[in-house]
Amino acid sequence: MASLFENSAYAAAYMTGEITHICRDMAKRAPGSEGEGEAARYMAGVLRRDCGCKTVLTEPFRVRPAAFYGYFCVFVVVGTPLAWI
């Protein structure tokens, strides 16, 4: 990992290349999607292979991708009458 930080220009180009690869070449990464899992597995491999990390773990977790919409409904139901006060 120290080799990445010895040359900051190289490190910046490396990071930009990895982020660009994930954004352009992998599936969309909505919360909990297979694309998000693919990107996480890819980055775990990068950490092992290129950064020298001995232990890299990915963990499953439960996601509620549509949970935001509940807040939107509350805002409309409560906020609309309050706007007329």
C-alpha atoms as a PDB file:
ATOM      1  CA  MET A   1       0.000   0.000   0.000  1.00  0.00           C
ATOM      2  CA  ALA A   2       2.904   2.342   0.655  1.00  0.00           C
ATOM      3  CA  SER A   3       3.790   2.188  -3.053  1.00  0.00           C
ATOM      4  CA  LEU A   4       0.464   3.852  -3.920  1.00  0.00           C
ATOM      5  CA  PHE A   5       1.253   6.836  -1.703  1.00  0.00           C
ATOM      6  CA  GLU A   6       4.872   7.385  -2.731  1.00  0.00           C
ATOM      7  CA  ASN A   7       3.781   9.001  -5.983  1.00  0.00           C
ATOM      8  CA  SER A   8       0.599  11.005  -5.498  1.00  0.00           C
ATOM      9  CA  ALA A   9       0.077  11.628  -9.233  1.00  0.00           C
ATOM     10  CA  TYR A  10       0.162   7.890  -9.895  1.00  0.00           C
ATOM     11  CA  ALA A  11      -2.167   7.263  -6.948  1.00  0.00           C
ATOM     12  CA  ALA A  12      -4.667   9.857  -8.195  1.00  0.00           C
ATOM     13  CA  ALA A  13      -4.629   8.384 -11.710  1.00  0.00           C
ATOM     14  CA  TYR A  14      -5.008   4.870 -10.289  1.00  0.00           C
ATOM     15  CA  MET A  15      -8.024   5.823  -8.146  1.00  0.00           C
ATOM     16  CA  THR A  16      -9.637   7.750 -10.986  1.00  0.00           C
ATOM     17  CA  GLY A  17      -9.176   4.764 -13.292  1.00  0.00           C
ATOM     18  CA  GLU A  18     -10.764   2.358 -10.805  1.00  0.00           C
ATOM     19  CA  ILE A  19     -13.751   4.632 -10.161  1.00  0.00           C
ATOM     20  CA  THR A  20     -14.190   5.222 -13.898  1.00  0.00           C
ATOM     21  CA  HIS A  21     -14.112   1.465 -14.536  1.00  0.00           C
ATOM     22  CA  ILE A  22     -16.816   0.825 -11.939  1.00  0.00           C
ATOM     23  CA  CYS A  23     -19.034   3.646 -13.224  1.00  0.00           C
ATOM     24  CA  ARG A  24     -18.687   2.836 -16.929  1.00  0.00           C
ATOM     25  CA  ASP A  25     -18.236  -0.909 -17.140  1.00  0.00           C
ATOM     26  CA  MET A  26     -20.373  -2.377 -14.368  1.00  0.00           C
ATOM     27  CA  ALA A  27     -24.111  -2.627 -13.993  1.00  0.00           C
ATOM     28  CA  LYS A  28     -26.058   0.122 -12.244  1.00  0.00           C
ATOM     29  CA  ARG A  29     -25.581   0.043  -8.490  1.00  0.00           C
ATOM     30  CA  ALA A  30     -28.946   0.725  -6.889  1.00  0.00           C
ATOM     31  CA  PRO A  31     -29.010  -0.142  -3.171  1.00  0.00           C
ATOM     32  CA  GLY A  32     -29.090  -3.894  -2.698  1.00  0.00           C
ATOM     33  CA  SER A  33     -28.796  -4.645  -6.418  1.00  0.00           C
ATOM     34  CA  GLU A  34     -26.584  -7.262  -8.049  1.00  0.00           C
ATOM     35  CA  GLY A  35     -24.607  -4.377  -9.586  1.00  0.00           C
ATOM     36  CA  GLU A  36     -23.804  -3.059  -6.130  1.00  0.00           C
ATOM     37  CA  GLY A  37     -22.659  -6.525  -5.065  1.00  0.00           C
ATOM     38  CA  GLU A  38     -20.513  -6.867  -8.192  1.00  0.00           C
ATOM     39  CA  ALA A  39     -18.821  -3.517  -7.498  1.00  0.00           C
ATOM     40  CA  ALA A  40     -18.212  -4.475  -3.848  1.00  0.00           C
ATOM     41  CA  ARG A  41     -16.635  -7.796  -4.865  1.00  0.00           C
ATOM     42  CA  TYR A  42     -14.496  -6.041  -7.463  1.00  0.00           C
ATOM     43  CA  MET A  43     -13.242  -3.474  -4.931  1.00  0.00           C
ATOM     44  CA  ALA A  44     -12.502  -6.255  -2.430  1.00  0.00           C
ATOM     45  CA  GLY A  45     -10.319  -7.857  -5.094  1.00  0.00           C
ATOM     46  CA  VAL A  46      -8.549  -4.550  -5.761  1.00  0.00           C
ATOM     47  CA  LEU A  47      -7.817  -4.134  -2.057  1.00  0.00           C
ATOM     48  CA  ARG A  48      -6.373  -7.667  -1.886  1.00  0.00           C
ATOM     49  CA  ARG A  49      -4.465  -7.615  -5.179  1.00  0.00           C
ATOM     50  CA  ASP A  50      -3.249  -4.039  -5.560  1.00  0.00           C
ATOM     51  CA  CYS A  51      -3.236  -2.636  -2.039  1.00  0.00           C
ATOM     52  CA  GLY A  52      -1.827  -5.603  -0.160  1.00  0.00           C
ATOM     53  CA  CYS A  53      -4.715  -5.982   2.284  1.00  0.00           C
ATOM     54  CA  LYS A  54      -4.601  -9.485   3.753  1.00  0.00           C
ATOM     55  CA  THR A  55      -8.154  -9.581   5.083  1.00  0.00           C
ATOM     56  CA  VAL A  56     -10.953  -8.052   3.058  1.00  0.00           C
ATOM     57  CA  LEU A  57     -14.555  -8.956   3.851  1.00  0.00           C
ATOM     58  CA  THR A  58     -17.844  -8.145   2.200  1.00  0.00           C
ATOM     59  CA  GLU A  59     -20.935  -8.549   4.324  1.00  0.00           C
ATOM     60  CA  PRO A  60     -24.566  -9.084   3.376  1.00  0.00           C
ATOM     61  CA  PHE A  61     -27.066  -6.547   4.649  1.00  0.00           C
ATOM     62  CA  ARG A  62     -30.760  -5.872   4.312  1.00  0.00           C
ATOM     63  CA  VAL A  63     -31.799  -2.909   2.210  1.00  0.00           C
ATOM     64  CA  ARG A  64     -35.076  -1.054   1.860  1.00  0.00           C
ATOM     65  CA  PRO A  65     -34.568   0.784  -1.446  1.00  0.00           C
ATOM     66  CA  ALA A  66     -38.077   2.267  -1.496  1.00  0.00           C
ATOM     67  CA  ALA A  67     -38.028   3.434   2.131  1.00  0.00           C
ATOM     68  CA  PHE A  68     -37.523   7.045   1.023  1.00  0.00           C
ATOM     69  CA  TYR A  69     -40.976   7.138  -0.551  1.00  0.00           C
ATOM     70  CA  GLY A  70     -42.614   6.833   2.863  1.00  0.00           C
ATOM     71  CA  TYR A  71     -41.045  10.136   3.888  1.00  0.00           C
ATOM     72  CA  PHE A  72     -42.283  11.733   0.679  1.00  0.00           C
ATOM     73  CA  CYS A  73     -45.894  10.714   1.420  1.00  0.00           C
ATOM     74  CA  VAL A  74     -45.681  12.059   4.959  1.00  0.00           C
ATOM     75  CA  PHE A  75     -44.263  15.325   3.660  1.00  0.00           C
ATOM     76  CA  VAL A  76     -47.080  15.741   1.121  1.00  0.00           C
ATOM     77  CA  VAL A  77     -49.869  14.789   3.556  1.00  0.00           C
ATOM     78  CA  VAL A  78     -48.559  16.925   6.427  1.00  0.00           C
ATOM     79  CA  GLY A  79     -46.803  19.668   4.474  1.00  0.00           C
ATOM     80  CA  THR A  80     -49.586  20.599   2.057  1.00  0.00           C
ATOM     81  CA  PRO A  81     -52.099  21.655   4.729  1.00  0.00           C
ATOM     82  CA  LEU A  82     -49.390  23.475   6.658  1.00  0.00           C
ATOM     83  CA  ALA A  83     -48.516  25.502   3.563  1.00  0.00           C
ATOM     84  CA  TRP A  84     -52.006  27.056   3.645  1.00  0.00           C
ATOM     85  CA  ILE A  85     -51.748  28.189   7.249  1.00  0.00           C
END
